[in-house]
Amino acid sequence: MPYATLDQLSDRYGDPALINLTDRAEVPTGVINHDVIDRVLADTDAIIDGYLEKRYALPVTGVSPMLADIGQAIAIYKLHVFQPDQKIEDEYKEAMRMLREIADGRITLTIAGKPAAGSGGSGARLTDRERPLTEQNMKGFI
């Protein structure tokens, strides 16, 4: 399931902006190039999955609004062939910061209740077994 969609990008940035960013034909067609959008959205999904796979089971079922927002910010940034304006760049940097925090565990997502499979360990282990090395059985060594 994609984190961002063409409809979301269109709602957020508008069709004229998407046409300007995707219509790369020698003679402009005046329409959104769906191949360019599909490629950028696939690249965006790969970036997000790269950060999520450390903590969550993939593929993700159901997209949280936070991931959709991150996906849109990354996708619009990647659509720019030349330097984007400052707002787009700031949103991209913020999205990447949030992905790093998700990967580090500082931001937790509820993604269909599926955390990544872990080691099952939760820290130090205590045991109630008898200690094999004691003062009595180590006589002569201590």
Protein backbone atom coordinates (compact mmCIF):
# COMPACT_ATOMS: atom_id res chain seq x y z
CA MET A 1 0.00 0.00 0.00
CA PRO A 2 1.54 3.35 -0.98
CA TYR A 3 2.19 5.90 1.73
CA ALA A 4 1.19 8.80 -0.53
CA THR A 5 -1.09 8.89 -3.56
CA LEU A 6 -1.54 11.11 -6.60
CA ASP A 7 -4.89 12.30 -5.18
CA GLN A 8 -3.21 13.37 -1.93
CA LEU A 9 -0.45 15.20 -3.81
CA SER A 10 -3.05 16.89 -6.00
CA ASP A 11 -5.10 17.99 -2.97
CA ARG A 12 -2.05 19.30 -1.15
CA TYR A 13 -0.07 20.95 -3.96
CA GLY A 14 -2.58 21.35 -6.79
CA ASP A 15 -2.70 19.99 -10.32
CA PRO A 16 -0.88 22.97 -11.91
CA ALA A 17 2.16 22.36 -9.67
CA LEU A 18 2.14 18.64 -10.47
CA ILE A 19 1.86 19.38 -14.19
CA ASN A 20 4.87 21.72 -13.97
CA LEU A 21 6.89 19.09 -12.12
CA THR A 22 5.96 16.03 -14.20
CA ASP A 23 5.33 17.25 -17.76
CA ARG A 24 8.86 16.75 -19.04
CA ALA A 25 8.03 16.19 -22.71
CA GLU A 26 9.93 18.22 -25.31
CA VAL A 27 6.59 19.62 -26.37
CA PRO A 28 4.60 20.04 -23.12
CA THR A 29 1.36 18.10 -23.03
CA GLY A 30 -0.25 20.10 -20.22
CA VAL A 31 -1.20 17.01 -18.19
CA ILE A 32 0.27 15.17 -15.22
CA ASN A 33 2.70 12.46 -16.31
CA HIS A 34 1.51 9.42 -14.34
CA ASP A 35 4.70 7.45 -15.08
CA VAL A 36 6.82 10.11 -13.35
CA ILE A 37 4.42 10.20 -10.38
CA ASP A 38 4.37 6.40 -10.10
CA ARG A 39 8.17 6.21 -10.14
CA VAL A 40 8.54 8.92 -7.48
CA LEU A 41 5.86 7.34 -5.27
CA ALA A 42 7.60 3.95 -5.54
CA ASP A 43 10.93 5.58 -4.61
CA THR A 44 9.23 7.31 -1.68
CA ASP A 45 7.75 4.02 -0.47
CA ALA A 46 11.20 2.41 -0.64
CA ILE A 47 12.73 5.21 1.44
CA ILE A 48 10.02 4.98 4.09
CA ASP A 49 10.17 1.17 4.18
CA GLY A 50 13.93 1.40 4.69
CA TYR A 51 13.37 3.32 7.91
CA LEU A 52 10.33 1.32 9.07
CA GLU A 53 11.78 -2.17 8.57
CA LYS A 54 13.97 -1.71 11.64
CA ARG A 55 10.91 -1.49 13.92
CA TYR A 56 7.79 -2.66 12.06
CA ALA A 57 6.67 -5.71 10.13
CA LEU A 58 6.46 -4.97 6.40
CA PRO A 59 4.46 -4.58 4.27
CA VAL A 60 2.46 -2.08 6.29
CA THR A 61 -1.30 -2.55 6.20
CA GLY A 62 -3.12 0.73 6.60
CA VAL A 63 -1.29 4.03 6.43
CA SER A 64 -1.24 6.40 9.38
CA PRO A 65 -1.79 10.10 8.64
CA MET A 66 1.78 10.77 9.81
CA LEU A 67 3.22 8.39 7.20
CA ALA A 68 0.97 9.87 4.50
CA ASP A 69 2.25 13.36 5.36
CA ILE A 70 5.86 12.15 5.33
CA GLY A 71 5.29 10.40 2.00
CA GLN A 72 3.82 13.51 0.41
CA ALA A 73 6.69 15.71 1.60
CA ILE A 74 9.30 13.30 0.25
CA ALA A 75 7.48 12.76 -3.06
CA ILE A 76 7.04 16.45 -3.87
CA TYR A 77 10.69 17.07 -3.03
CA LYS A 78 11.79 14.23 -5.31
CA LEU A 79 9.62 15.56 -8.15
CA HIS A 80 11.74 18.71 -8.33
CA VAL A 81 14.43 18.47 -10.98
CA PHE A 82 15.93 21.76 -9.85
CA GLN A 83 16.17 23.42 -6.42
CA PRO A 84 12.74 23.43 -4.74
CA ASP A 85 11.50 26.45 -2.82
CA GLN A 86 12.39 26.74 0.86
CA LYS A 87 9.04 25.45 2.17
CA ILE A 88 9.30 22.21 0.16
CA GLU A 89 12.89 21.71 1.30
CA ASP A 90 12.00 22.37 4.95
CA GLU A 91 9.10 19.89 4.80
CA TYR A 92 11.42 17.28 3.26
CA LYS A 93 14.03 17.77 6.00
CA GLU A 94 11.33 17.51 8.66
CA ALA A 95 9.98 14.32 7.07
CA MET A 96 13.44 12.75 7.03
CA ARG A 97 14.00 13.78 10.67
CA MET A 98 10.72 12.13 11.64
CA LEU A 99 11.71 8.93 9.80
CA ARG A 100 14.99 8.84 11.71
CA GLU A 101 13.08 9.25 14.97
CA ILE A 102 10.69 6.45 14.00
CA ALA A 103 13.65 4.21 13.19
CA ASP A 104 15.31 5.09 16.52
CA GLY A 105 12.09 4.41 18.44
CA ARG A 106 11.52 7.98 19.65
CA ILE A 107 8.28 8.11 17.62
CA THR A 108 6.02 5.07 17.80
CA LEU A 109 3.46 4.29 15.12
CA THR A 110 0.35 2.17 15.46
CA ILE A 111 0.41 0.38 12.15
CA ALA A 112 -2.28 -2.28 12.28
CA GLY A 113 -0.81 -3.26 15.66
CA LYS A 114 2.18 -5.02 14.13
CA PRO A 115 5.54 -4.20 15.63
CA ALA A 116 8.53 -5.84 13.96
CA ALA A 117 9.57 -9.21 15.24
CA GLY A 118 12.21 -8.67 17.89
CA SER A 119 14.52 -10.86 19.85
CA GLY A 120 11.99 -11.19 22.65
CA GLY A 121 14.58 -10.05 25.13
CA SER A 122 13.73 -7.20 27.43
CA GLY A 123 17.01 -6.59 29.17
CA ALA A 124 18.84 -8.38 31.97
CA ARG A 125 17.85 -11.93 32.84
CA LEU A 126 17.76 -13.31 36.35
CA THR A 127 17.90 -16.97 37.16
CA ASP A 128 17.26 -18.90 40.35
CA ARG A 129 19.67 -21.73 39.56
CA GLU A 130 22.36 -22.70 42.00
CA ARG A 131 25.64 -20.98 41.32
CA PRO A 132 28.09 -23.53 39.85
CA LEU A 133 31.16 -21.74 41.18
CA THR A 134 31.18 -21.19 44.94
CA GLU A 135 33.83 -20.72 47.59
CA GLN A 136 33.44 -24.38 48.58
CA ASN A 137 33.98 -25.91 45.11
CA MET A 138 36.71 -23.43 44.21
CA LYS A 139 38.98 -24.27 47.21
CA GLY A 140 42.55 -23.97 46.16
CA PHE A 141 41.76 -21.51 43.35
CA ILE A 142 40.63 -18.62 45.52
